[in-house]
C-alpha atoms as a PDB file:
ATOM      1  CA  MET A   1       0.141  -0.056   0.150  1.00  0.00           C
ATOM      2  CA  ILE A   2       1.146   3.448  -0.929  1.00  0.00           C
ATOM      3  CA  ALA A   3       0.644   6.046   1.811  1.00  0.00           C
ATOM      4  CA  GLU A   4      -1.646   8.769   0.325  1.00  0.00           C
ATOM      5  CA  PRO A   5      -0.066  12.289   1.497  1.00  0.00           C
ATOM      6  CA  SER A   6      -3.457  12.500   3.677  1.00  0.00           C
ATOM      7  CA  ASP A   7      -2.192   9.623   5.247  1.00  0.00           C
ATOM      8  CA  LEU A   8       1.325  11.347   6.303  1.00  0.00           C
ATOM      9  CA  ASP A   9       1.958  12.825   9.864  1.00  0.00           C
ATOM     10  CA  PRO A  10       2.921  16.188   8.958  1.00  0.00           C
ATOM     11  CA  PRO A  11       6.320  17.397  10.430  1.00  0.00           C
ATOM     12  CA  ASP A  12       5.835  19.220  13.649  1.00  0.00           C
ATOM     13  CA  GLU A  13       8.352  20.647  15.819  1.00  0.00           C
ATOM     14  CA  ASP A  14       9.555  17.390  17.467  1.00  0.00           C
ATOM     15  CA  ASP A  15      11.111  16.354  14.405  1.00  0.00           C
ATOM     16  CA  PHE A  16      13.596  18.928  14.250  1.00  0.00           C
ATOM     17  CA  PRO A  17      14.379  19.019  17.645  1.00  0.00           C
ATOM     18  CA  LEU A  18      18.116  20.703  16.244  1.00  0.00           C
ATOM     19  CA  GLY A  19      16.547  22.936  14.610  1.00  0.00           C
ATOM     20  CA  ASP A  20      14.414  23.974  11.054  1.00  0.00           C
ATOM     21  CA  GLY A  21      17.230  23.555   8.873  1.00  0.00           C
ATOM     22  CA  THR A  22      17.742  27.428   8.551  1.00  0.00           C
ATOM     23  CA  ALA A  23      21.336  28.283   8.602  1.00  0.00           C
ATOM     24  CA  ASP A  24      21.483  30.392  11.571  1.00  0.00           C
ATOM     25  CA  ASP A  25      25.132  31.339  11.823  1.00  0.00           C
ATOM     26  CA  ALA A  26      28.704  32.190   9.730  1.00  0.00           C
ATOM     27  CA  VAL A  27      32.146  31.621   9.889  1.00  0.00           C
ATOM     28  CA  LEU A  28      35.044  32.562   8.019  1.00  0.00           C
ATOM     29  CA  VAL A  29      37.160  29.489   6.753  1.00  0.00           C
ATOM     30  CA  VAL A  30      40.258  29.483   4.679  1.00  0.00           C
ATOM     31  CA  CYS A  31      39.939  27.997   1.520  1.00  0.00           C
ATOM     32  CA  PRO A  32      42.902  24.760   1.467  1.00  0.00           C
ATOM     33  CA  HIS A  33      43.498  24.884  -2.222  1.00  0.00           C
ATOM     34  CA  CYS A  34      44.350  28.389  -2.690  1.00  0.00           C
ATOM     35  CA  GLY A  35      43.848  30.376   0.733  1.00  0.00           C
ATOM     36  CA  GLU A  36      41.340  32.595   0.521  1.00  0.00           C
ATOM     37  CA  ALA A  37      38.555  33.593   2.774  1.00  0.00           C
ATOM     38  CA  ASN A  38      35.150  32.029   2.744  1.00  0.00           C
ATOM     39  CA  GLU A  39      31.948  32.589   4.639  1.00  0.00           C
ATOM     40  CA  LEU A  40      29.781  29.603   5.858  1.00  0.00           C
ATOM     41  CA  SER A  41      26.735  29.414   7.209  1.00  0.00           C
ATOM     42  CA  LEU A  42      26.092  26.827   9.788  1.00  0.00           C
ATOM     43  CA  ASP A  43      23.073  24.693  10.812  1.00  0.00           C
ATOM     44  CA  PRO A  44      22.729  23.014  14.214  1.00  0.00           C
ATOM     45  CA  GLY A  45      20.200  21.391  12.758  1.00  0.00           C
ATOM     46  CA  GLY A  46      21.846  19.331  10.649  1.00  0.00           C
ATOM     47  CA  GLY A  47      23.253  17.240  13.729  1.00  0.00           C
ATOM     48  CA  SER A  48      26.253  17.811  15.968  1.00  0.00           C
ATOM     49  CA  GLU A  49      29.001  15.993  13.585  1.00  0.00           C
ATOM     50  CA  GLN A  50      28.488  16.964  10.094  1.00  0.00           C
ATOM     51  CA  GLU A  51      30.824  16.885   7.323  1.00  0.00           C
ATOM     52  CA  TYR A  52      29.963  17.554   3.688  1.00  0.00           C
ATOM     53  CA  VAL A  53      31.544  19.023   0.727  1.00  0.00           C
ATOM     54  CA  GLU A  54      31.570  22.920   0.027  1.00  0.00           C
ATOM     55  CA  ASP A  55      33.250  24.772  -3.692  1.00  0.00           C
ATOM     56  CA  CYS A  56      35.760  27.885  -2.732  1.00  0.00           C
ATOM     57  CA  THR A  57      33.841  30.852  -3.843  1.00  0.00           C
ATOM     58  CA  VAL A  58      36.825  32.729  -5.113  1.00  0.00           C
ATOM     59  CA  CYS A  59      39.306  29.196  -6.945  1.00  0.00           C
ATOM     60  CA  CYS A  60      35.717  26.901  -7.181  1.00  0.00           C
ATOM     61  CA  ARG A  61      38.168  24.214  -6.201  1.00  0.00           C
ATOM     62  CA  PRO A  62      36.049  21.373  -3.746  1.00  0.00           C
ATOM     63  CA  TRP A  63      36.983  20.787  -0.504  1.00  0.00           C
ATOM     64  CA  ARG A  64      35.415  18.994   2.734  1.00  0.00           C
ATOM     65  CA  VAL A  65      34.140  20.681   5.761  1.00  0.00           C
ATOM     66  CA  ILE A  66      33.954  18.830   9.447  1.00  0.00           C
ATOM     67  CA  VAL A  67      31.490  21.083  11.422  1.00  0.00           C
ATOM     68  CA  ARG A  68      31.674  19.967  15.317  1.00  0.00           C
ATOM     69  CA  TYR A  69      29.396  20.785  17.928  1.00  0.00           C
ATOM     70  CA  GLY A  70      30.207  21.070  21.467  1.00  0.00           C
ATOM     71  CA  ALA A  71      27.530  20.828  24.599  1.00  0.00           C
ATOM     72  CA  ASP A  72      27.479  24.366  24.765  1.00  0.00           C
ATOM     73  CA  GLY A  73      26.659  24.746  21.134  1.00  0.00           C
ATOM     74  CA  SER A  74      29.785  26.209  20.063  1.00  0.00           C
ATOM     75  CA  ALA A  75      31.305  24.913  16.862  1.00  0.00           C
ATOM     76  CA  ASP A  76      34.626  23.526  15.372  1.00  0.00           C
ATOM     77  CA  VAL A  77      34.625  23.969  12.031  1.00  0.00           C
ATOM     78  CA  PHE A  78      37.520  22.288   9.842  1.00  0.00           C
ATOM     79  CA  THR A  79      38.749  22.496   6.426  1.00  0.00           C
ATOM     80  CA  GLU A  80      40.361  20.157   4.047  1.00  0.00           C
ATOM     81  CA  PRO A  81      41.362  19.393   0.318  1.00  0.00           C
ATOM     82  CA  LEU A  82      38.702  17.223  -1.455  1.00  0.00           C
ATOM     83  CA  GLU A  83      40.987  13.877  -2.532  1.00  0.00           C
ATOM     84  CA  GLY A  84      40.001  12.703  -5.792  1.00  0.00           C
END
């Protein structure tokens, strides 16, 4: 049986306890390729440990972003060249 849209439980605040997916904080990081500063928007709603790929806004080369949130809500952000 395929669920019809009316059969689905709509999401509520309990479905997104850490945030709503909207980035609410920004940090400056340095591109590991060209050394230029890039602004990243952080989203604590993505979980306490996050890893994703971002392209440099200057040289357009990809790099890995690693974000770890502490219990106090602070974020440690690391970047590294994307191996490929």
